[in-house]
Amino acid sequence: MTPPEWLAGYLEQGVHMPGTDAPDAATADAARRLRVLLASPDLWSEPPRGLLDQITASVGRERIALTRPHPVITRPAANTARSANAADTARPTANAARKDSRRRARMRRSAGAAVAALLAAAAVVIGIVVTRGPVTTDVALAGTRLAPAASAVAKLHATPSGLAIELDVAGLPPSPPGFYYQAWMKGPHGLVTIGTFHMRGGPGTVELWSAVTLAGYPTITVTREPEDGNPASSGQVVLTSRP
């Protein structure tokens, strides 16, 4: 797995994905800080109008200032007798001009390196967040003996507020009166409910939400629940990702 793919997986799940080489401490810390940054709502807020124009104009002014030649001031000799003194005076002036020119060249190289580093960092973020779009994990669910013709695909992607799940359901009959369907994520620590639905309007997509990760709760199931006010699972599983 290439570094951008590893980073994209980490940004989605918040954990290092199984089967990948563990990063060094510095890389892991940088990835953690990047995930915290991307999770901040302020990062995705609409920028002030005209901000891009201001940045472009500022960069243009800095570029002109760095490339503008430094003026060299020389004084004409008053007469032939003072020409030797004028030449002696011109030498340090010329040396200073050359030093100033070299200093400006170093400044231009430093500015160019800084811009290149900024563009490289922007390219990584754009490649992960914009070009690829939200990182999505697809999980297939199969029907059980209670609903043998049913199937579903859960599409999961991380958001700043939790794990968004789109459950595309097919072949699952509407829940009978007095019952409903409930989706769960299951892991070593137990069950976490991620939403309820009934399918009485026909097959389609169900929008679910989870506050836990797929890495910690790898099994997704759907159960048929009676409307009895009991929050515990009935155990009547109609769809599961782990038959």
C-alpha atoms as a PDB file:
ATOM      1  CA  MET A   1       0.000   0.000   0.000  1.00  0.00           C
ATOM      2  CA  THR A   2       1.449   3.383  -1.017  1.00  0.00           C
ATOM      3  CA  PRO A   3       1.844   6.181   1.592  1.00  0.00           C
ATOM      4  CA  PRO A   4      -1.145   8.245   0.289  1.00  0.00           C
ATOM      5  CA  GLU A   5      -3.387   5.151   0.473  1.00  0.00           C
ATOM      6  CA  TRP A   6      -2.139   4.346   3.967  1.00  0.00           C
ATOM      7  CA  LEU A   7      -2.738   7.946   5.048  1.00  0.00           C
ATOM      8  CA  ALA A   8      -6.218   7.991   3.499  1.00  0.00           C
ATOM      9  CA  GLY A   9      -7.122   4.799   5.368  1.00  0.00           C
ATOM     10  CA  TYR A  10      -5.852   6.265   8.631  1.00  0.00           C
ATOM     11  CA  LEU A  11      -7.772   9.514   8.117  1.00  0.00           C
ATOM     12  CA  GLU A  12     -10.979   7.500   7.625  1.00  0.00           C
ATOM     13  CA  GLN A  13     -10.668   4.954  10.445  1.00  0.00           C
ATOM     14  CA  GLY A  14      -8.389   6.680  12.944  1.00  0.00           C
ATOM     15  CA  VAL A  15      -6.280   3.515  13.282  1.00  0.00           C
ATOM     16  CA  HIS A  16      -3.486   1.935  11.285  1.00  0.00           C
ATOM     17  CA  MET A  17      -5.121  -0.529   8.911  1.00  0.00           C
ATOM     18  CA  PRO A  18      -4.203  -4.225   9.262  1.00  0.00           C
ATOM     19  CA  GLY A  19      -1.747  -5.611   6.748  1.00  0.00           C
ATOM     20  CA  THR A  20       0.241  -2.395   6.363  1.00  0.00           C
ATOM     21  CA  ASP A  21       3.712  -1.618   7.655  1.00  0.00           C
ATOM     22  CA  ALA A  22       3.673   0.338  10.910  1.00  0.00           C
ATOM     23  CA  PRO A  23       4.939   3.912  10.326  1.00  0.00           C
ATOM     24  CA  ASP A  24       7.729   5.410  12.374  1.00  0.00           C
ATOM     25  CA  ALA A  25       6.888   7.608  15.347  1.00  0.00           C
ATOM     26  CA  ALA A  26       7.340  10.896  13.479  1.00  0.00           C
ATOM     27  CA  THR A  27       5.095   9.792  10.596  1.00  0.00           C
ATOM     28  CA  ALA A  28       2.412   8.501  12.965  1.00  0.00           C
ATOM     29  CA  ASP A  29       2.432  11.776  14.920  1.00  0.00           C
ATOM     30  CA  ALA A  30       2.174  13.841  11.732  1.00  0.00           C
ATOM     31  CA  ALA A  31      -0.737  11.691  10.521  1.00  0.00           C
ATOM     32  CA  ARG A  32      -2.490  12.094  13.877  1.00  0.00           C
ATOM     33  CA  ARG A  33      -2.134  15.880  13.755  1.00  0.00           C
ATOM     34  CA  LEU A  34      -3.366  15.965  10.150  1.00  0.00           C
ATOM     35  CA  ARG A  35      -6.454  13.925  11.087  1.00  0.00           C
ATOM     36  CA  VAL A  36      -7.233  16.332  13.945  1.00  0.00           C
ATOM     37  CA  LEU A  37      -6.808  19.279  11.561  1.00  0.00           C
ATOM     38  CA  LEU A  38      -9.083  17.797   8.907  1.00  0.00           C
ATOM     39  CA  ALA A  39     -11.723  16.990  11.540  1.00  0.00           C
ATOM     40  CA  SER A  40     -11.977  20.660  12.546  1.00  0.00           C
ATOM     41  CA  PRO A  41     -15.198  22.252  11.217  1.00  0.00           C
ATOM     42  CA  ASP A  42     -13.323  25.567  10.812  1.00  0.00           C
ATOM     43  CA  LEU A  43     -11.173  24.002   8.085  1.00  0.00           C
ATOM     44  CA  TRP A  44     -14.217  23.429   5.876  1.00  0.00           C
ATOM     45  CA  SER A  45     -15.929  26.753   6.531  1.00  0.00           C
ATOM     46  CA  GLU A  46     -16.440  29.127   3.623  1.00  0.00           C
ATOM     47  CA  PRO A  47     -13.437  31.507   3.328  1.00  0.00           C
ATOM     48  CA  PRO A  48     -14.068  35.263   3.275  1.00  0.00           C
ATOM     49  CA  ARG A  49     -14.879  36.694  -0.126  1.00  0.00           C
ATOM     50  CA  GLY A  50     -11.838  38.095  -1.903  1.00  0.00           C
ATOM     51  CA  LEU A  51      -9.336  36.076   0.162  1.00  0.00           C
ATOM     52  CA  LEU A  52      -7.872  34.337  -2.901  1.00  0.00           C
ATOM     53  CA  ASP A  53      -7.421  37.669  -4.693  1.00  0.00           C
ATOM     54  CA  GLN A  54      -5.649  39.092  -1.641  1.00  0.00           C
ATOM     55  CA  ILE A  55      -3.287  36.121  -1.433  1.00  0.00           C
ATOM     56  CA  THR A  56      -2.520  36.275  -5.162  1.00  0.00           C
ATOM     57  CA  ALA A  57      -1.802  40.007  -4.999  1.00  0.00           C
ATOM     58  CA  SER A  58       0.438  39.560  -1.947  1.00  0.00           C
ATOM     59  CA  VAL A  59       2.451  36.800  -3.647  1.00  0.00           C
ATOM     60  CA  GLY A  60       2.840  39.002  -6.727  1.00  0.00           C
ATOM     61  CA  ARG A  61       4.149  41.933  -4.657  1.00  0.00           C
ATOM     62  CA  GLU A  62       6.666  39.696  -2.866  1.00  0.00           C
ATOM     63  CA  ARG A  63       7.878  38.243  -6.150  1.00  0.00           C
ATOM     64  CA  ILE A  64       8.429  41.708  -7.617  1.00  0.00           C
ATOM     65  CA  ALA A  65      10.283  42.841  -4.484  1.00  0.00           C
ATOM     66  CA  LEU A  66      12.608  39.833  -4.596  1.00  0.00           C
ATOM     67  CA  THR A  67      13.433  40.156  -8.304  1.00  0.00           C
ATOM     68  CA  ARG A  68      13.801  43.965  -8.428  1.00  0.00           C
ATOM     69  CA  PRO A  69      17.485  44.949  -8.907  1.00  0.00           C
ATOM     70  CA  HIS A  70      19.065  46.941  -6.118  1.00  0.00           C
ATOM     71  CA  PRO A  71      20.071  50.421  -7.308  1.00  0.00           C
ATOM     72  CA  VAL A  72      23.769  51.237  -7.147  1.00  0.00           C
ATOM     73  CA  ILE A  73      24.485  54.895  -6.421  1.00  0.00           C
ATOM     74  CA  THR A  74      27.747  56.314  -7.772  1.00  0.00           C
ATOM     75  CA  ARG A  75      29.018  59.884  -7.679  1.00  0.00           C
ATOM     76  CA  PRO A  76      30.818  61.363 -10.670  1.00  0.00           C
ATOM     77  CA  ALA A  77      34.401  62.555 -10.084  1.00  0.00           C
ATOM     78  CA  ALA A  78      34.753  66.297  -9.651  1.00  0.00           C
ATOM     79  CA  ASN A  79      37.970  66.461 -11.685  1.00  0.00           C
ATOM     80  CA  THR A  80      40.769  64.384 -13.092  1.00  0.00           C
ATOM     81  CA  ALA A  81      42.883  64.760  -9.960  1.00  0.00           C
ATOM     82  CA  ARG A  82      40.185  63.067  -7.834  1.00  0.00           C
ATOM     83  CA  SER A  83      39.550  60.154 -10.252  1.00  0.00           C
ATOM     84  CA  ALA A  84      41.852  57.832  -8.311  1.00  0.00           C
ATOM     85  CA  ASN A  85      39.962  58.515  -5.075  1.00  0.00           C
ATOM     86  CA  ALA A  86      36.649  58.003  -6.923  1.00  0.00           C
ATOM     87  CA  ALA A  87      37.830  54.604  -8.196  1.00  0.00           C
ATOM     88  CA  ASP A  88      38.846  53.591  -4.670  1.00  0.00           C
ATOM     89  CA  THR A  89      35.410  54.651  -3.421  1.00  0.00           C
ATOM     90  CA  ALA A  90      33.639  52.771  -6.211  1.00  0.00           C
ATOM     91  CA  ARG A  91      35.317  49.471  -5.324  1.00  0.00           C
ATOM     92  CA  PRO A  92      33.602  49.023  -1.928  1.00  0.00           C
ATOM     93  CA  THR A  93      30.350  50.232  -3.488  1.00  0.00           C
ATOM     94  CA  ALA A  94      30.632  47.571  -6.206  1.00  0.00           C
ATOM     95  CA  ASN A  95      31.554  44.929  -3.631  1.00  0.00           C
ATOM     96  CA  ALA A  96      28.528  45.871  -1.550  1.00  0.00           C
ATOM     97  CA  ALA A  97      26.324  45.655  -4.632  1.00  0.00           C
ATOM     98  CA  ARG A  98      27.641  42.184  -5.434  1.00  0.00           C
ATOM     99  CA  LYS A  99      27.068  41.038  -1.833  1.00  0.00           C
ATOM    100  CA  ASP A 100      23.576  42.469  -1.916  1.00  0.00           C
ATOM    101  CA  SER A 101      22.915  40.703  -5.222  1.00  0.00           C
ATOM    102  CA  ARG A 102      24.074  37.377  -3.775  1.00  0.00           C
ATOM    103  CA  ARG A 103      21.924  37.955  -0.691  1.00  0.00           C
ATOM    104  CA  ARG A 104      18.882  38.570  -2.850  1.00  0.00           C
ATOM    105  CA  ALA A 105      19.652  35.469  -4.899  1.00  0.00           C
ATOM    106  CA  ARG A 106      19.744  33.426  -1.689  1.00  0.00           C
ATOM    107  CA  MET A 107      16.439  34.978  -0.652  1.00  0.00           C
ATOM    108  CA  ARG A 108      14.890  34.038  -4.009  1.00  0.00           C
ATOM    109  CA  ARG A 109      16.151  30.462  -3.678  1.00  0.00           C
ATOM    110  CA  SER A 110      14.789  30.234  -0.121  1.00  0.00           C
ATOM    111  CA  ALA A 111      11.450  31.659  -1.210  1.00  0.00           C
ATOM    112  CA  GLY A 112      11.343  29.202  -4.115  1.00  0.00           C
ATOM    113  CA  ALA A 113      12.083  26.275  -1.807  1.00  0.00           C
ATOM    114  CA  ALA A 114       9.363  27.390   0.608  1.00  0.00           C
ATOM    115  CA  VAL A 115       6.835  27.684  -2.218  1.00  0.00           C
ATOM    116  CA  ALA A 116       7.827  24.245  -3.530  1.00  0.00           C
ATOM    117  CA  ALA A 117       7.359  22.695  -0.078  1.00  0.00           C
ATOM    118  CA  LEU A 118       3.971  24.382   0.290  1.00  0.00           C
ATOM    119  CA  LEU A 119       2.860  23.165  -3.134  1.00  0.00           C
ATOM    120  CA  ALA A 120       4.004  19.615  -2.310  1.00  0.00           C
ATOM    121  CA  ALA A 121       2.003  19.608   0.926  1.00  0.00           C
ATOM    122  CA  ALA A 122      -1.034  21.030  -0.855  1.00  0.00           C
ATOM    123  CA  ALA A 123      -0.737  18.359  -3.547  1.00  0.00           C
ATOM    124  CA  VAL A 124      -0.874  15.588  -0.915  1.00  0.00           C
ATOM    125  CA  VAL A 125      -3.965  17.033   0.751  1.00  0.00           C
ATOM    126  CA  ILE A 126      -5.686  17.736  -2.570  1.00  0.00           C
ATOM    127  CA  GLY A 127      -4.862  14.254  -3.819  1.00  0.00           C
ATOM    128  CA  ILE A 128      -6.446  12.648  -0.773  1.00  0.00           C
ATOM    129  CA  VAL A 129      -9.364  14.959   0.000  1.00  0.00           C
ATOM    130  CA  VAL A 130     -10.328  16.480  -3.357  1.00  0.00           C
ATOM    131  CA  THR A 131      -9.165  14.176  -6.143  1.00  0.00           C
ATOM    132  CA  ARG A 132     -10.061  10.926  -4.439  1.00  0.00           C
ATOM    133  CA  GLY A 133     -13.036  12.351  -2.579  1.00  0.00           C
ATOM    134  CA  PRO A 134     -14.164  10.937   0.761  1.00  0.00           C
ATOM    135  CA  VAL A 135     -12.544   7.606   1.538  1.00  0.00           C
ATOM    136  CA  THR A 136     -15.308   4.978   1.380  1.00  0.00           C
ATOM    137  CA  THR A 137     -15.316   1.383   2.586  1.00  0.00           C
ATOM    138  CA  ASP A 138     -17.892  -1.023   1.160  1.00  0.00           C
ATOM    139  CA  VAL A 139     -19.164  -3.890   3.326  1.00  0.00           C
ATOM    140  CA  ALA A 140     -21.432  -6.566   1.817  1.00  0.00           C
ATOM    141  CA  LEU A 141     -24.282  -8.048   3.883  1.00  0.00           C
ATOM    142  CA  ALA A 142     -26.083 -11.325   3.099  1.00  0.00           C
ATOM    143  CA  GLY A 143     -29.550 -12.477   4.086  1.00  0.00           C
ATOM    144  CA  THR A 144     -30.064 -15.135   6.757  1.00  0.00           C
ATOM    145  CA  ARG A 145     -32.683 -17.890   6.927  1.00  0.00           C
ATOM    146  CA  LEU A 146     -35.148 -15.255   8.177  1.00  0.00           C
ATOM    147  CA  ALA A 147     -34.712 -13.282   4.914  1.00  0.00           C
ATOM    148  CA  PRO A 148     -32.874 -15.522   2.414  1.00  0.00           C
ATOM    149  CA  ALA A 149     -33.573 -13.276  -0.594  1.00  0.00           C
ATOM    150  CA  ALA A 150     -32.222 -10.142   1.115  1.00  0.00           C
ATOM    151  CA  SER A 151     -28.854  -8.507   0.535  1.00  0.00           C
ATOM    152  CA  ALA A 152     -27.265  -5.139   1.183  1.00  0.00           C
ATOM    153  CA  VAL A 153     -24.096  -3.089   0.758  1.00  0.00           C
ATOM    154  CA  ALA A 154     -23.007  -0.699   3.494  1.00  0.00           C
ATOM    155  CA  LYS A 155     -20.929   2.265   2.299  1.00  0.00           C
ATOM    156  CA  LEU A 156     -19.009   3.805   5.178  1.00  0.00           C
ATOM    157  CA  HIS A 157     -17.032   7.034   5.255  1.00  0.00           C
ATOM    158  CA  ALA A 158     -15.708   9.128   8.119  1.00  0.00           C
ATOM    159  CA  THR A 159     -16.964  12.642   8.855  1.00  0.00           C
ATOM    160  CA  PRO A 160     -16.037  15.110  11.623  1.00  0.00           C
ATOM    161  CA  SER A 161     -19.133  14.030  13.592  1.00  0.00           C
ATOM    162  CA  GLY A 162     -18.913  10.249  13.147  1.00  0.00           C
ATOM    163  CA  LEU A 163     -19.102   7.419  10.660  1.00  0.00           C
ATOM    164  CA  ALA A 164     -21.716   7.997   7.947  1.00  0.00           C
ATOM    165  CA  ILE A 165     -23.232   4.791   6.550  1.00  0.00           C
ATOM    166  CA  GLU A 166     -25.386   4.367   3.453  1.00  0.00           C
ATOM    167  CA  LEU A 167     -27.090   0.965   3.487  1.00  0.00           C
ATOM    168  CA  ASP A 168     -28.327  -0.057   0.023  1.00  0.00           C
ATOM    169  CA  VAL A 169     -30.917  -2.770   0.713  1.00  0.00           C
ATOM    170  CA  ALA A 170     -32.473  -5.194  -1.776  1.00  0.00           C
ATOM    171  CA  GLY A 171     -34.856  -8.122  -1.315  1.00  0.00           C
ATOM    172  CA  LEU A 172     -35.754  -7.338   2.306  1.00  0.00           C
ATOM    173  CA  PRO A 173     -39.530  -7.366   2.845  1.00  0.00           C
ATOM    174  CA  PRO A 174     -41.157  -4.518   4.775  1.00  0.00           C
ATOM    175  CA  SER A 175     -41.193  -5.042   8.501  1.00  0.00           C
ATOM    176  CA  PRO A 176     -44.604  -6.413   9.622  1.00  0.00           C
ATOM    177  CA  PRO A 177     -46.876  -4.335  11.844  1.00  0.00           C
ATOM    178  CA  GLY A 178     -45.497  -4.146  15.363  1.00  0.00           C
ATOM    179  CA  PHE A 179     -41.901  -4.727  14.191  1.00  0.00           C
ATOM    180  CA  TYR A 180     -39.053  -2.681  12.739  1.00  0.00           C
ATOM    181  CA  TYR A 181     -35.505  -3.276  11.553  1.00  0.00           C
ATOM    182  CA  GLN A 182     -32.485  -2.179  13.570  1.00  0.00           C
ATOM    183  CA  ALA A 183     -28.869  -1.976  12.362  1.00  0.00           C
ATOM    184  CA  TRP A 184     -25.903  -2.739  14.601  1.00  0.00           C
ATOM    185  CA  MET A 185     -22.125  -2.750  14.639  1.00  0.00           C
ATOM    186  CA  LYS A 186     -20.606  -5.575  16.630  1.00  0.00           C
ATOM    187  CA  GLY A 187     -17.129  -6.003  18.079  1.00  0.00           C
ATOM    188  CA  PRO A 188     -15.216  -7.386  21.072  1.00  0.00           C
ATOM    189  CA  HIS A 189     -16.892  -4.816  23.330  1.00  0.00           C
ATOM    190  CA  GLY A 190     -20.453  -5.714  22.289  1.00  0.00           C
ATOM    191  CA  LEU A 191     -23.170  -4.178  20.128  1.00  0.00           C
ATOM    192  CA  VAL A 192     -23.694  -0.546  19.150  1.00  0.00           C
ATOM    193  CA  THR A 193     -26.931   0.482  17.472  1.00  0.00           C
ATOM    194  CA  ILE A 194     -26.560   2.632  14.356  1.00  0.00           C
ATOM    195  CA  GLY A 195     -30.206   3.245  13.406  1.00  0.00           C
ATOM    196  CA  THR A 196     -33.660   1.820  12.685  1.00  0.00           C
ATOM    197  CA  PHE A 197     -35.854   1.590   9.563  1.00  0.00           C
ATOM    198  CA  HIS A 198     -38.890  -0.317   8.226  1.00  0.00           C
ATOM    199  CA  MET A 199     -38.679  -0.545   4.356  1.00  0.00           C
ATOM    200  CA  ARG A 200     -42.453  -0.063   4.042  1.00  0.00           C
ATOM    201  CA  GLY A 201     -41.881   2.343   1.157  1.00  0.00           C
ATOM    202  CA  GLY A 202     -40.026  -0.243  -0.906  1.00  0.00           C
ATOM    203  CA  PRO A 203     -36.330  -1.024  -1.423  1.00  0.00           C
ATOM    204  CA  GLY A 204     -33.828   1.785  -1.268  1.00  0.00           C
ATOM    205  CA  THR A 205     -31.004   3.396   0.666  1.00  0.00           C
ATOM    206  CA  VAL A 206     -31.062   3.763   4.437  1.00  0.00           C
ATOM    207  CA  GLU A 207     -28.908   6.453   6.035  1.00  0.00           C
ATOM    208  CA  LEU A 208     -27.263   5.340   9.270  1.00  0.00           C
ATOM    209  CA  TRP A 209     -24.725   6.868  11.664  1.00  0.00           C
ATOM    210  CA  SER A 210     -22.150   5.377  13.985  1.00  0.00           C
ATOM    211  CA  ALA A 211     -19.927   6.806  16.713  1.00  0.00           C
ATOM    212  CA  VAL A 212     -17.615   3.760  16.591  1.00  0.00           C
ATOM    213  CA  THR A 213     -15.133   2.630  13.942  1.00  0.00           C
ATOM    214  CA  LEU A 214     -15.252  -0.376  11.668  1.00  0.00           C
ATOM    215  CA  ALA A 215     -11.830  -1.432  12.959  1.00  0.00           C
ATOM    216  CA  GLY A 216     -13.196  -1.751  16.504  1.00  0.00           C
ATOM    217  CA  TYR A 217     -16.643  -3.101  15.504  1.00  0.00           C
ATOM    218  CA  PRO A 218     -16.061  -5.046  12.269  1.00  0.00           C
ATOM    219  CA  THR A 219     -19.422  -6.861  11.989  1.00  0.00           C
ATOM    220  CA  ILE A 220     -22.558  -5.125  10.691  1.00  0.00           C
ATOM    221  CA  THR A 221     -25.931  -6.789  11.239  1.00  0.00           C
ATOM    222  CA  VAL A 222     -29.615  -5.966  10.869  1.00  0.00           C
ATOM    223  CA  THR A 223     -32.189  -7.489  13.207  1.00  0.00           C
ATOM    224  CA  ARG A 224     -35.993  -7.595  13.278  1.00  0.00           C
ATOM    225  CA  GLU A 225     -37.195  -5.994  16.504  1.00  0.00           C
ATOM    226  CA  PRO A 226     -40.611  -5.975  18.197  1.00  0.00           C
ATOM    227  CA  GLU A 227     -42.020  -2.621  19.280  1.00  0.00           C
ATOM    228  CA  ASP A 228     -41.852  -3.545  22.956  1.00  0.00           C
ATOM    229  CA  GLY A 229     -39.623  -0.757  24.261  1.00  0.00           C
ATOM    230  CA  ASN A 230     -36.758  -3.139  24.981  1.00  0.00           C
ATOM    231  CA  PRO A 231     -33.475  -1.603  23.673  1.00  0.00           C
ATOM    232  CA  ALA A 232     -31.641  -4.943  23.649  1.00  0.00           C
ATOM    233  CA  SER A 233     -31.247  -6.913  20.438  1.00  0.00           C
ATOM    234  CA  SER A 234     -33.899  -9.546  19.741  1.00  0.00           C
ATOM    235  CA  GLY A 235     -31.318 -11.781  18.094  1.00  0.00           C
ATOM    236  CA  GLN A 236     -33.539 -12.138  14.992  1.00  0.00           C
ATOM    237  CA  VAL A 237     -30.812 -11.380  12.463  1.00  0.00           C
ATOM    238  CA  VAL A 238     -32.002 -10.813   8.877  1.00  0.00           C
ATOM    239  CA  LEU A 239     -28.788  -9.389   7.371  1.00  0.00           C
ATOM    240  CA  THR A 240     -25.169  -9.844   8.404  1.00  0.00           C
ATOM    241  CA  SER A 241     -21.692  -9.116   7.084  1.00  0.00           C
ATOM    242  CA  ARG A 242     -20.307 -12.202   8.852  1.00  0.00           C
ATOM    243  CA  PRO A 243     -22.518 -15.237   8.073  1.00  0.00           C
END
